[in-house]
C-alpha atoms as a PDB file:
ATOM      1  CA  MET A   1      16.611  -5.702  28.785  1.00  0.00           C
ATOM      2  CA  ILE A   2      19.357  -5.739  26.163  1.00  0.00           C
ATOM      3  CA  ASP A   3      21.946  -8.469  26.676  1.00  0.00           C
ATOM      4  CA  GLY A   4      23.708 -10.714  24.193  1.00  0.00           C
ATOM      5  CA  ASP A   5      24.250 -13.497  26.735  1.00  0.00           C
ATOM      6  CA  GLU A   6      21.032 -15.495  26.420  1.00  0.00           C
ATOM      7  CA  TRP A   7      21.603 -17.615  29.529  1.00  0.00           C
ATOM      8  CA  VAL A   8      22.407 -14.648  31.801  1.00  0.00           C
ATOM      9  CA  ALA A   9      19.535 -12.606  30.381  1.00  0.00           C
ATOM     10  CA  SER A  10      16.941 -15.366  30.756  1.00  0.00           C
ATOM     11  CA  ALA A  11      17.863 -15.869  34.435  1.00  0.00           C
ATOM     12  CA  LEU A  12      17.419 -12.159  35.154  1.00  0.00           C
ATOM     13  CA  VAL A  13      14.173 -12.038  33.171  1.00  0.00           C
ATOM     14  CA  ARG A  14      12.770 -14.825  35.352  1.00  0.00           C
ATOM     15  CA  ALA A  15      13.846 -12.997  38.517  1.00  0.00           C
ATOM     16  CA  LEU A  16      12.118  -9.814  37.335  1.00  0.00           C
ATOM     17  CA  GLN A  17       8.955 -11.615  36.284  1.00  0.00           C
ATOM     18  CA  GLU A  18       8.752 -13.243  39.716  1.00  0.00           C
ATOM     19  CA  LYS A  19       8.619  -9.716  41.167  1.00  0.00           C
ATOM     20  CA  GLY A  20       5.763  -8.744  38.852  1.00  0.00           C
ATOM     21  CA  TYR A  21       7.695  -6.938  36.109  1.00  0.00           C
ATOM     22  CA  VAL A  22       6.826  -7.225  32.426  1.00  0.00           C
ATOM     23  CA  VAL A  23      10.102  -7.630  30.546  1.00  0.00           C
ATOM     24  CA  ASP A  24      10.954  -7.168  26.867  1.00  0.00           C
ATOM     25  CA  ALA A  25      14.313  -8.802  26.118  1.00  0.00           C
ATOM     26  CA  SER A  26      16.591  -8.280  23.134  1.00  0.00           C
ATOM     27  CA  GLY A  27      20.016  -9.690  22.313  1.00  0.00           C
ATOM     28  CA  GLU A  28      21.232  -6.800  20.122  1.00  0.00           C
ATOM     29  CA  ALA A  29      21.634  -3.032  20.493  1.00  0.00           C
ATOM     30  CA  VAL A  30      19.661  -1.890  17.430  1.00  0.00           C
ATOM     31  CA  ALA A  31      16.690  -4.182  18.071  1.00  0.00           C
ATOM     32  CA  GLY A  32      16.713  -3.282  21.769  1.00  0.00           C
ATOM     33  CA  PHE A  33      16.715   0.454  21.097  1.00  0.00           C
ATOM     34  CA  ARG A  34      13.886   0.049  18.593  1.00  0.00           C
ATOM     35  CA  LYS A  35      11.827  -1.841  21.189  1.00  0.00           C
ATOM     36  CA  ALA A  36      12.522   0.807  23.833  1.00  0.00           C
ATOM     37  CA  SER A  37      11.414   3.534  21.412  1.00  0.00           C
ATOM     38  CA  GLU A  38       8.138   1.697  20.802  1.00  0.00           C
ATOM     39  CA  THR A  39       7.295   0.948  24.448  1.00  0.00           C
ATOM     40  CA  THR A  40       9.018   3.676  26.557  1.00  0.00           C
ATOM     41  CA  PRO A  41       9.815   1.277  29.440  1.00  0.00           C
ATOM     42  CA  ASP A  42      10.207   2.179  33.112  1.00  0.00           C
ATOM     43  CA  CYS A  43      13.861   1.103  33.066  1.00  0.00           C
ATOM     44  CA  ILE A  44      16.429  -0.070  30.524  1.00  0.00           C
ATOM     45  CA  VAL A  45      18.929  -2.757  31.600  1.00  0.00           C
ATOM     46  CA  LEU A  46      21.996  -2.971  29.370  1.00  0.00           C
ATOM     47  CA  SER A  47      25.141  -5.013  28.904  1.00  0.00           C
ATOM     48  CA  PRO A  48      28.227  -2.957  27.909  1.00  0.00           C
ATOM     49  CA  GLU A  49      29.154  -5.515  25.239  1.00  0.00           C
ATOM     50  CA  LEU A  50      26.582  -6.492  22.589  1.00  0.00           C
ATOM     51  CA  PRO A  51      26.901  -8.488  19.349  1.00  0.00           C
ATOM     52  CA  ASP A  52      26.224  -5.613  16.935  1.00  0.00           C
ATOM     53  CA  ILE A  53      27.029  -2.311  18.709  1.00  0.00           C
ATOM     54  CA  ASP A  54      28.092  -1.641  22.290  1.00  0.00           C
ATOM     55  CA  GLY A  55      25.683  -0.670  25.033  1.00  0.00           C
ATOM     56  CA  ALA A  56      27.068   2.874  25.227  1.00  0.00           C
ATOM     57  CA  TRP A  57      25.550   3.496  21.787  1.00  0.00           C
ATOM     58  CA  VAL A  58      22.117   2.571  23.137  1.00  0.00           C
ATOM     59  CA  ALA A  59      22.473   4.856  26.166  1.00  0.00           C
ATOM     60  CA  ARG A  60      23.585   7.763  23.984  1.00  0.00           C
ATOM     61  CA  LYS A  61      20.674   7.240  21.581  1.00  0.00           C
ATOM     62  CA  VAL A  62      18.162   7.093  24.448  1.00  0.00           C
ATOM     63  CA  ARG A  63      19.453  10.281  26.068  1.00  0.00           C
ATOM     64  CA  THR A  64      19.361  12.249  22.812  1.00  0.00           C
ATOM     65  CA  GLU A  65      15.802  11.202  21.904  1.00  0.00           C
ATOM     66  CA  ALA A  66      13.007  13.736  22.199  1.00  0.00           C
ATOM     67  CA  GLY A  67      10.193  13.028  24.651  1.00  0.00           C
ATOM     68  CA  ALA A  68       9.729  10.655  27.569  1.00  0.00           C
ATOM     69  CA  LEU A  69      12.263   8.035  26.422  1.00  0.00           C
ATOM     70  CA  SER A  70      15.186  10.359  27.206  1.00  0.00           C
ATOM     71  CA  LYS A  71      14.238  10.331  30.914  1.00  0.00           C
ATOM     72  CA  VAL A  72      14.057   6.540  31.330  1.00  0.00           C
ATOM     73  CA  PRO A  73      16.558   5.228  33.934  1.00  0.00           C
ATOM     74  CA  ILE A  74      19.422   3.224  32.418  1.00  0.00           C
ATOM     75  CA  LEU A  75      21.183   0.470  34.362  1.00  0.00           C
ATOM     76  CA  PHE A  76      24.339  -1.214  33.060  1.00  0.00           C
ATOM     77  CA  VAL A  77      25.422  -4.613  34.372  1.00  0.00           C
ATOM     78  CA  GLY A  78      28.857  -5.817  33.303  1.00  0.00           C
ATOM     79  CA  ASP A  79      32.250  -7.166  34.311  1.00  0.00           C
ATOM     80  CA  LEU A  80      34.716  -4.377  35.090  1.00  0.00           C
ATOM     81  CA  SER A  81      37.589  -6.866  35.288  1.00  0.00           C
ATOM     82  CA  GLU A  82      37.378  -7.173  31.507  1.00  0.00           C
ATOM     83  CA  ASP A  83      37.254  -3.402  30.870  1.00  0.00           C
ATOM     84  CA  ARG A  84      38.100  -1.013  33.726  1.00  0.00           C
ATOM     85  CA  SER A  85      36.963   2.008  31.675  1.00  0.00           C
ATOM     86  CA  ALA A  86      33.435   0.677  31.068  1.00  0.00           C
ATOM     87  CA  ARG A  87      31.892   2.359  34.125  1.00  0.00           C
ATOM     88  CA  ALA A  88      33.165   5.847  33.261  1.00  0.00           C
ATOM     89  CA  ARG A  89      32.378   5.425  29.569  1.00  0.00           C
ATOM     90  CA  THR A  90      28.762   4.364  30.106  1.00  0.00           C
ATOM     91  CA  LEU A  91      28.030   6.928  32.835  1.00  0.00           C
ATOM     92  CA  ASN A  92      29.463   9.602  30.568  1.00  0.00           C
ATOM     93  CA  VAL A  93      26.878   8.876  27.846  1.00  0.00           C
ATOM     94  CA  GLY A  94      23.846   8.845  30.119  1.00  0.00           C
ATOM     95  CA  ALA A  95      23.760   5.710  32.291  1.00  0.00           C
ATOM     96  CA  ASP A  96      22.461   6.159  35.831  1.00  0.00           C
ATOM     97  CA  VAL A  97      24.110   3.151  37.515  1.00  0.00           C
ATOM     98  CA  PHE A  98      26.777   0.566  36.601  1.00  0.00           C
ATOM     99  CA  LEU A  99      26.714  -2.696  38.589  1.00  0.00           C
ATOM    100  CA  ASP A 100      29.844  -4.831  38.498  1.00  0.00           C
ATOM    101  CA  ARG A 101      29.514  -8.596  38.109  1.00  0.00           C
ATOM    102  CA  PRO A 102      29.578 -10.983  39.877  1.00  0.00           C
ATOM    103  CA  ILE A 103      26.376  -9.793  41.526  1.00  0.00           C
ATOM    104  CA  SER A 104      23.176 -11.591  42.450  1.00  0.00           C
ATOM    105  CA  ASN A 105      19.991 -11.168  40.432  1.00  0.00           C
ATOM    106  CA  ASP A 106      18.217 -10.148  43.642  1.00  0.00           C
ATOM    107  CA  GLU A 107      20.540  -7.139  43.949  1.00  0.00           C
ATOM    108  CA  ILE A 108      19.989  -6.203  40.305  1.00  0.00           C
ATOM    109  CA  VAL A 109      16.205  -6.425  40.745  1.00  0.00           C
ATOM    110  CA  ALA A 110      16.420  -4.251  43.868  1.00  0.00           C
ATOM    111  CA  GLN A 111      18.479  -1.658  41.987  1.00  0.00           C
ATOM    112  CA  ILE A 112      15.947  -1.604  39.143  1.00  0.00           C
ATOM    113  CA  GLY A 113      13.155  -0.999  41.644  1.00  0.00           C
ATOM    114  CA  ALA A 114      15.099   1.837  43.288  1.00  0.00           C
ATOM    115  CA  LEU A 115      15.778   3.502  39.918  1.00  0.00           C
ATOM    116  CA  ILE A 116      12.128   3.328  38.883  1.00  0.00           C
ATOM    117  CA  ALA A 117      10.973   4.679  42.251  1.00  0.00           C
ATOM    118  CA  MET A 118      13.478   7.560  42.085  1.00  0.00           C
ATOM    119  CA  ALA A 119      12.448   8.451  38.530  1.00  0.00           C
ATOM    120  CA  ARG A 120       8.793   8.566  39.574  1.00  0.00           C
ATOM    121  CA  ARG A 121       9.550  10.756  42.583  1.00  0.00           C
ATOM    122  CA  LEU A 122      11.479  13.185  40.416  1.00  0.00           C
ATOM    123  CA  ASP A 123       8.614  13.150  37.924  1.00  0.00           C
ATOM    124  CA  GLY A 124       6.057  13.883  40.645  1.00  0.00           C
ATOM    125  CA  ARG A 125       4.369  10.474  40.663  1.00  0.00           C
ATOM    126  CA  ASP A 126       3.985   7.918  43.424  1.00  0.00           C
ATOM    127  CA  ALA A 127       4.750   4.184  43.172  1.00  0.00           C
ATOM    128  CA  GLU A 128       1.476   3.443  41.340  1.00  0.00           C
ATOM    129  CA  GLY A 129       2.117   6.125  38.741  1.00  0.00           C
ATOM    130  CA  SER A 130      -0.524   8.588  39.966  1.00  0.00           C
ATOM    131  CA  PRO A 131       0.284  12.251  40.649  1.00  0.00           C
ATOM    132  CA  SER A 132       2.094  12.719  43.949  1.00  0.00           C
ATOM    133  CA  SER A 133       1.026  15.195  46.583  1.00  0.00           C
ATOM    134  CA  THR A 134       4.550  16.630  46.555  1.00  0.00           C
ATOM    135  CA  SER A 135       5.996  18.722  43.766  1.00  0.00           C
ATOM    136  CA  VAL A 136       9.041  17.883  41.659  1.00  0.00           C
ATOM    137  CA  ALA A 137      11.027  20.329  43.781  1.00  0.00           C
ATOM    138  CA  ALA A 138      10.085  18.589  47.023  1.00  0.00           C
ATOM    139  CA  ALA A 139      12.680  17.291  49.433  1.00  0.00           C
ATOM    140  CA  ILE A 140      14.028  13.813  48.727  1.00  0.00           C
ATOM    141  CA  ARG A 141      15.215  11.294  51.316  1.00  0.00           C
ATOM    142  CA  GLY A 142      16.560   7.805  50.900  1.00  0.00           C
ATOM    143  CA  ASP A 143      18.851   4.973  51.942  1.00  0.00           C
ATOM    144  CA  LEU A 144      22.372   4.742  50.496  1.00  0.00           C
ATOM    145  CA  SER A 145      22.122   0.951  50.305  1.00  0.00           C
ATOM    146  CA  ALA A 146      19.016   1.211  48.093  1.00  0.00           C
ATOM    147  CA  PHE A 147      20.089   3.990  45.746  1.00  0.00           C
ATOM    148  CA  PRO A 148      23.669   5.005  44.853  1.00  0.00           C
ATOM    149  CA  LEU A 149      24.527   8.597  45.702  1.00  0.00           C
ATOM    150  CA  ALA A 150      26.506   8.972  42.473  1.00  0.00           C
ATOM    151  CA  SER A 151      23.380   8.415  40.372  1.00  0.00           C
ATOM    152  CA  LEU A 152      21.402  10.921  42.437  1.00  0.00           C
ATOM    153  CA  LEU A 153      24.051  13.620  42.052  1.00  0.00           C
ATOM    154  CA  MET A 154      24.301  13.106  38.296  1.00  0.00           C
ATOM    155  CA  MET A 155      20.511  13.350  37.996  1.00  0.00           C
ATOM    156  CA  PHE A 156      20.622  16.650  39.885  1.00  0.00           C
ATOM    157  CA  GLU A 157      23.244  17.966  37.458  1.00  0.00           C
ATOM    158  CA  MET A 158      21.194  16.945  34.416  1.00  0.00           C
ATOM    159  CA  GLU A 159      18.138  18.702  35.861  1.00  0.00           C
ATOM    160  CA  ARG A 160      20.163  21.726  37.066  1.00  0.00           C
ATOM    161  CA  ARG A 161      18.879  21.364  40.623  1.00  0.00           C
ATOM    162  CA  SER A 162      19.826  23.800  43.387  1.00  0.00           C
ATOM    163  CA  GLY A 163      19.838  22.829  47.048  1.00  0.00           C
ATOM    164  CA  LEU A 164      21.610  21.053  49.867  1.00  0.00           C
ATOM    165  CA  VAL A 165      22.522  17.339  49.820  1.00  0.00           C
ATOM    166  CA  GLU A 166      23.122  15.898  53.284  1.00  0.00           C
ATOM    167  CA  VAL A 167      24.753  12.458  53.599  1.00  0.00           C
ATOM    168  CA  VAL A 168      25.059  10.627  56.927  1.00  0.00           C
ATOM    169  CA  ALA A 169      27.062   7.400  57.322  1.00  0.00           C
ATOM    170  CA  THR A 170      26.043   4.683  59.774  1.00  0.00           C
ATOM    171  CA  SER A 171      28.911   5.876  61.982  1.00  0.00           C
ATOM    172  CA  GLY A 172      27.187   9.250  62.272  1.00  0.00           C
ATOM    173  CA  LYS A 173      29.719  11.090  60.124  1.00  0.00           C
ATOM    174  CA  ARG A 174      28.003  13.784  58.067  1.00  0.00           C
ATOM    175  CA  ALA A 175      28.792  15.407  54.731  1.00  0.00           C
ATOM    176  CA  SER A 176      27.119  18.412  53.110  1.00  0.00           C
ATOM    177  CA  LEU A 177      27.183  19.167  49.385  1.00  0.00           C
ATOM    178  CA  THR A 178      25.669  22.406  48.114  1.00  0.00           C
ATOM    179  CA  LEU A 179      24.505  22.435  44.492  1.00  0.00           C
ATOM    180  CA  THR A 180      23.812  25.589  42.495  1.00  0.00           C
ATOM    181  CA  ASP A 181      22.141  25.005  39.118  1.00  0.00           C
ATOM    182  CA  GLY A 182      23.370  21.392  39.129  1.00  0.00           C
ATOM    183  CA  LEU A 183      27.019  22.233  39.946  1.00  0.00           C
ATOM    184  CA  PHE A 184      28.997  21.965  43.158  1.00  0.00           C
ATOM    185  CA  ALA A 185      29.096  25.257  45.040  1.00  0.00           C
ATOM    186  CA  SER A 186      30.563  24.071  48.359  1.00  0.00           C
ATOM    187  CA  THR A 187      31.377  20.737  50.022  1.00  0.00           C
ATOM    188  CA  GLU A 188      32.255  19.819  53.587  1.00  0.00           C
ATOM    189  CA  ILE A 189      32.608  16.860  55.959  1.00  0.00           C
ATOM    190  CA  ALA A 190      31.940  17.076  59.695  1.00  0.00           C
ATOM    191  CA  GLY A 191      31.436  20.818  59.332  1.00  0.00           C
ATOM    192  CA  ALA A 192      34.872  21.425  57.783  1.00  0.00           C
ATOM    193  CA  PRO A 193      35.136  22.663  54.163  1.00  0.00           C
ATOM    194  CA  ARG A 194      36.944  20.170  51.938  1.00  0.00           C
ATOM    195  CA  PRO A 195      37.597  19.984  48.165  1.00  0.00           C
ATOM    196  CA  ALA A 196      34.715  18.401  46.269  1.00  0.00           C
ATOM    197  CA  LEU A 197      36.791  15.469  44.970  1.00  0.00           C
ATOM    198  CA  GLU A 198      37.967  14.564  48.493  1.00  0.00           C
ATOM    199  CA  VAL A 199      34.413  14.689  49.817  1.00  0.00           C
ATOM    200  CA  LEU A 200      33.105  12.556  46.948  1.00  0.00           C
ATOM    201  CA  ARG A 201      35.811   9.915  47.356  1.00  0.00           C
ATOM    202  CA  GLU A 202      34.854   9.540  51.000  1.00  0.00           C
ATOM    203  CA  VAL A 203      31.054   9.624  50.775  1.00  0.00           C
ATOM    204  CA  LEU A 204      30.836   7.371  47.708  1.00  0.00           C
ATOM    205  CA  ALA A 205      32.585   4.707  49.790  1.00  0.00           C
ATOM    206  CA  TRP A 206      29.764   4.827  52.359  1.00  0.00           C
ATOM    207  CA  ARG A 207      27.712   1.785  51.363  1.00  0.00           C
ATOM    208  CA  ALA A 208      25.189   2.284  54.161  1.00  0.00           C
ATOM    209  CA  GLY A 209      23.582   5.338  55.662  1.00  0.00           C
ATOM    210  CA  ARG A 210      21.041   7.874  54.511  1.00  0.00           C
ATOM    211  CA  PHE A 211      20.849  10.937  52.290  1.00  0.00           C
ATOM    212  CA  SER A 212      18.492  13.871  51.838  1.00  0.00           C
ATOM    213  CA  PHE A 213      18.084  16.725  49.389  1.00  0.00           C
ATOM    214  CA  GLN A 214      16.510  20.028  50.354  1.00  0.00           C
ATOM    215  CA  PRO A 215      15.819  22.306  47.341  1.00  0.00           C
ATOM    216  CA  ARG A 216      16.647  25.989  47.582  1.00  0.00           C
ATOM    217  CA  GLU A 217      16.577  29.019  45.311  1.00  0.00           C
ATOM    218  CA  SER A 218      19.865  29.264  43.406  1.00  0.00           C
ATOM    219  CA  ARG A 219      20.179  33.000  44.106  1.00  0.00           C
ATOM    220  CA  SER A 220      20.415  32.245  47.836  1.00  0.00           C
ATOM    221  CA  LEU A 221      23.355  29.836  47.360  1.00  0.00           C
ATOM    222  CA  PRO A 222      27.080  30.319  46.651  1.00  0.00           C
ATOM    223  CA  ALA A 223      28.184  30.547  43.033  1.00  0.00           C
ATOM    224  CA  PRO A 224      28.797  27.201  41.245  1.00  0.00           C
ATOM    225  CA  ARG A 225      32.412  26.083  41.098  1.00  0.00           C
ATOM    226  CA  ALA A 226      32.771  22.531  39.733  1.00  0.00           C
ATOM    227  CA  SER A 227      31.036  19.973  37.515  1.00  0.00           C
ATOM    228  CA  VAL A 228      29.255  17.233  39.448  1.00  0.00           C
ATOM    229  CA  GLY A 229      29.467  14.623  36.670  1.00  0.00           C
ATOM    230  CA  ALA A 230      33.189  15.107  35.982  1.00  0.00           C
ATOM    231  CA  LEU A 231      34.125  14.830  39.665  1.00  0.00           C
ATOM    232  CA  VAL A 232      31.865  11.815  40.274  1.00  0.00           C
ATOM    233  CA  LEU A 233      33.503   9.977  37.367  1.00  0.00           C
ATOM    234  CA  GLU A 234      36.983  10.914  38.595  1.00  0.00           C
ATOM    235  CA  ALA A 235      36.169   9.711  42.122  1.00  0.00           C
ATOM    236  CA  MET A 236      34.886   6.398  40.713  1.00  0.00           C
ATOM    237  CA  ARG A 237      37.997   6.017  38.555  1.00  0.00           C
ATOM    238  CA  LEU A 238      40.287   6.524  41.538  1.00  0.00           C
ATOM    239  CA  GLU A 239      38.250   4.056  43.599  1.00  0.00           C
ATOM    240  CA  ASP A 240      38.475   1.418  40.842  1.00  0.00           C
ATOM    241  CA  GLU A 241      42.259   1.907  40.647  1.00  0.00           C
ATOM    242  CA  GLU A 242      42.603   1.395  44.396  1.00  0.00           C
ATOM    243  CA  LYS A 243      40.560  -1.817  44.227  1.00  0.00           C
ATOM    244  CA  SER A 244      42.923  -3.407  41.682  1.00  0.00           C
ATOM    245  CA  PRO A 245      46.513  -2.397  42.584  1.00  0.00           C
ATOM    246  CA  LEU A 246      49.413  -3.917  40.675  1.00  0.00           C
ATOM    247  CA  GLN A 247      50.919  -6.948  42.395  1.00  0.00           C
ATOM    248  CA  GLU A 248      54.229  -6.076  44.031  1.00  0.00           C
ATOM    249  CA  ILE A 249      57.243  -8.314  43.276  1.00  0.00           C
ATOM    250  CA  GLY A 250      59.842  -8.666  46.023  1.00  0.00           C
ATOM    251  CA  PRO A 251      63.551  -9.559  45.667  1.00  0.00           C
ATOM    252  CA  ASP A 252      62.916 -13.181  46.679  1.00  0.00           C
ATOM    253  CA  ASP A 253      60.335 -13.519  43.912  1.00  0.00           C
ATOM    254  CA  LEU A 254      62.872 -12.289  41.347  1.00  0.00           C
ATOM    255  CA  VAL A 255      65.509 -14.770  42.552  1.00  0.00           C
ATOM    256  CA  ASP A 256      63.008 -17.639  42.368  1.00  0.00           C
ATOM    257  CA  ALA A 257      61.975 -16.588  38.872  1.00  0.00           C
ATOM    258  CA  VAL A 258      65.599 -16.511  37.653  1.00  0.00           C
ATOM    259  CA  ASP A 259      66.349 -19.899  39.225  1.00  0.00           C
ATOM    260  CA  SER A 260      63.251 -21.379  37.623  1.00  0.00           C
ATOM    261  CA  ALA A 261      64.104 -19.963  34.205  1.00  0.00           C
ATOM    262  CA  THR A 262      67.680 -21.254  34.287  1.00  0.00           C
ATOM    263  CA  ASN A 263      66.901 -24.661  35.810  1.00  0.00           C
ATOM    264  CA  GLY A 264      67.862 -27.444  33.422  1.00  0.00           C
ATOM    265  CA  ARG A 265      70.100 -25.154  31.323  1.00  0.00           C
ATOM    266  CA  ARG A 266      73.173 -25.108  33.558  1.00  0.00           C
ATOM    267  CA  GLU A 267      74.903 -27.922  31.656  1.00  0.00           C
ATOM    268  CA  GLU A 268      75.647 -27.933  27.957  1.00  0.00           C
ATOM    269  CA  PRO A 269      74.150 -30.932  26.169  1.00  0.00           C
ATOM    270  CA  ALA A 270      76.690 -33.587  25.234  1.00  0.00           C
ATOM    271  CA  THR A 271      77.330 -33.975  21.532  1.00  0.00           C
ATOM    272  CA  GLN A 272      78.457 -36.805  19.332  1.00  0.00           C
ATOM    273  CA  GLY A 273      79.986 -35.383  16.234  1.00  0.00           C
ATOM    274  CA  ASP A 274      77.673 -32.696  14.879  1.00  0.00           C
ATOM    275  CA  GLU A 275      74.482 -34.244  16.317  1.00  0.00           C
ATOM    276  CA  PRO A 276      73.254 -33.548  19.833  1.00  0.00           C
ATOM    277  CA  VAL A 277      72.846 -36.524  22.118  1.00  0.00           C
ATOM    278  CA  ALA A 278      69.542 -36.784  23.955  1.00  0.00           C
ATOM    279  CA  ARG A 279      69.935 -36.356  27.716  1.00  0.00           C
ATOM    280  CA  PRO A 280      66.744 -37.351  29.576  1.00  0.00           C
ATOM    281  CA  ASP A 281      68.106 -35.910  32.822  1.00  0.00           C
ATOM    282  CA  LEU A 282      68.273 -32.466  31.197  1.00  0.00           C
ATOM    283  CA  ALA A 283      64.715 -32.457  29.839  1.00  0.00           C
ATOM    284  CA  PRO A 284      62.830 -29.282  30.750  1.00  0.00           C
ATOM    285  CA  PRO A 285      60.578 -29.647  33.771  1.00  0.00           C
ATOM    286  CA  SER A 286      57.011 -30.462  32.966  1.00  0.00           C
ATOM    287  CA  HIS A 287      54.262 -27.998  33.929  1.00  0.00           C
ATOM    288  CA  PRO A 288      50.642 -28.749  34.687  1.00  0.00           C
ATOM    289  CA  LYS A 289      48.165 -27.701  32.024  1.00  0.00           C
ATOM    290  CA  ALA A 290      45.992 -24.670  32.727  1.00  0.00           C
ATOM    291  CA  SER A 291      42.344 -25.562  32.604  1.00  0.00           C
END
């Protein structure tokens, strides 16, 4: 764990330790990356903002390292209200998931467990770390509430997977995404072909349901047409924009604002010679202090 907020980090460390995890914590990017290089952890938890260098630097360094460290799942936890571009920026340099605060430590711990389990399945190991009876190319199934679909798709692009991703919402609505060598080849919802960005915007909003991936030979699939990572990031960006629309100001609000601004200035102050005379009745209205 690499987080410059000691209080927040210590609370999450305790939550992880209660679940049986061994945690190495660091408050700075350089020291945290050095520790990760020495230990090759099962998961790296990062804050976007760190005292020395930002968390994106750590993610980029991890992904460009040779060996096992480059495959370690990376989870960012931060406040998107302070920087709306943080999610896209960190995913673009190699993060697997970005969780937006406020969020409970229980949810963060559950996400860490899901990332570690997914990494082990993709690496051909079971939950205890022993070789799995299924191959790396085996079918994958999971719950949308336990593992974000966006992270799964971006993993498939990095590993140039070919196959069919089926996503089913709790309502029963179904989407199919065909990947050829890690790129979108075709996308549809309810059996009707739709542009990949439209399909992503809809299915990424499904917070509950299930997904599956069935690998296939790339030569048996349609030709690739679009980047998975670029469209996932664009879909997330559009979703974030919809969640924080600009506040609309109506005509009545403008009238009230003008009246408030001009209140107390409708009469000229009386003067006596060249010196203004104090007029208590014209004193500007007092405003409560913001705490």
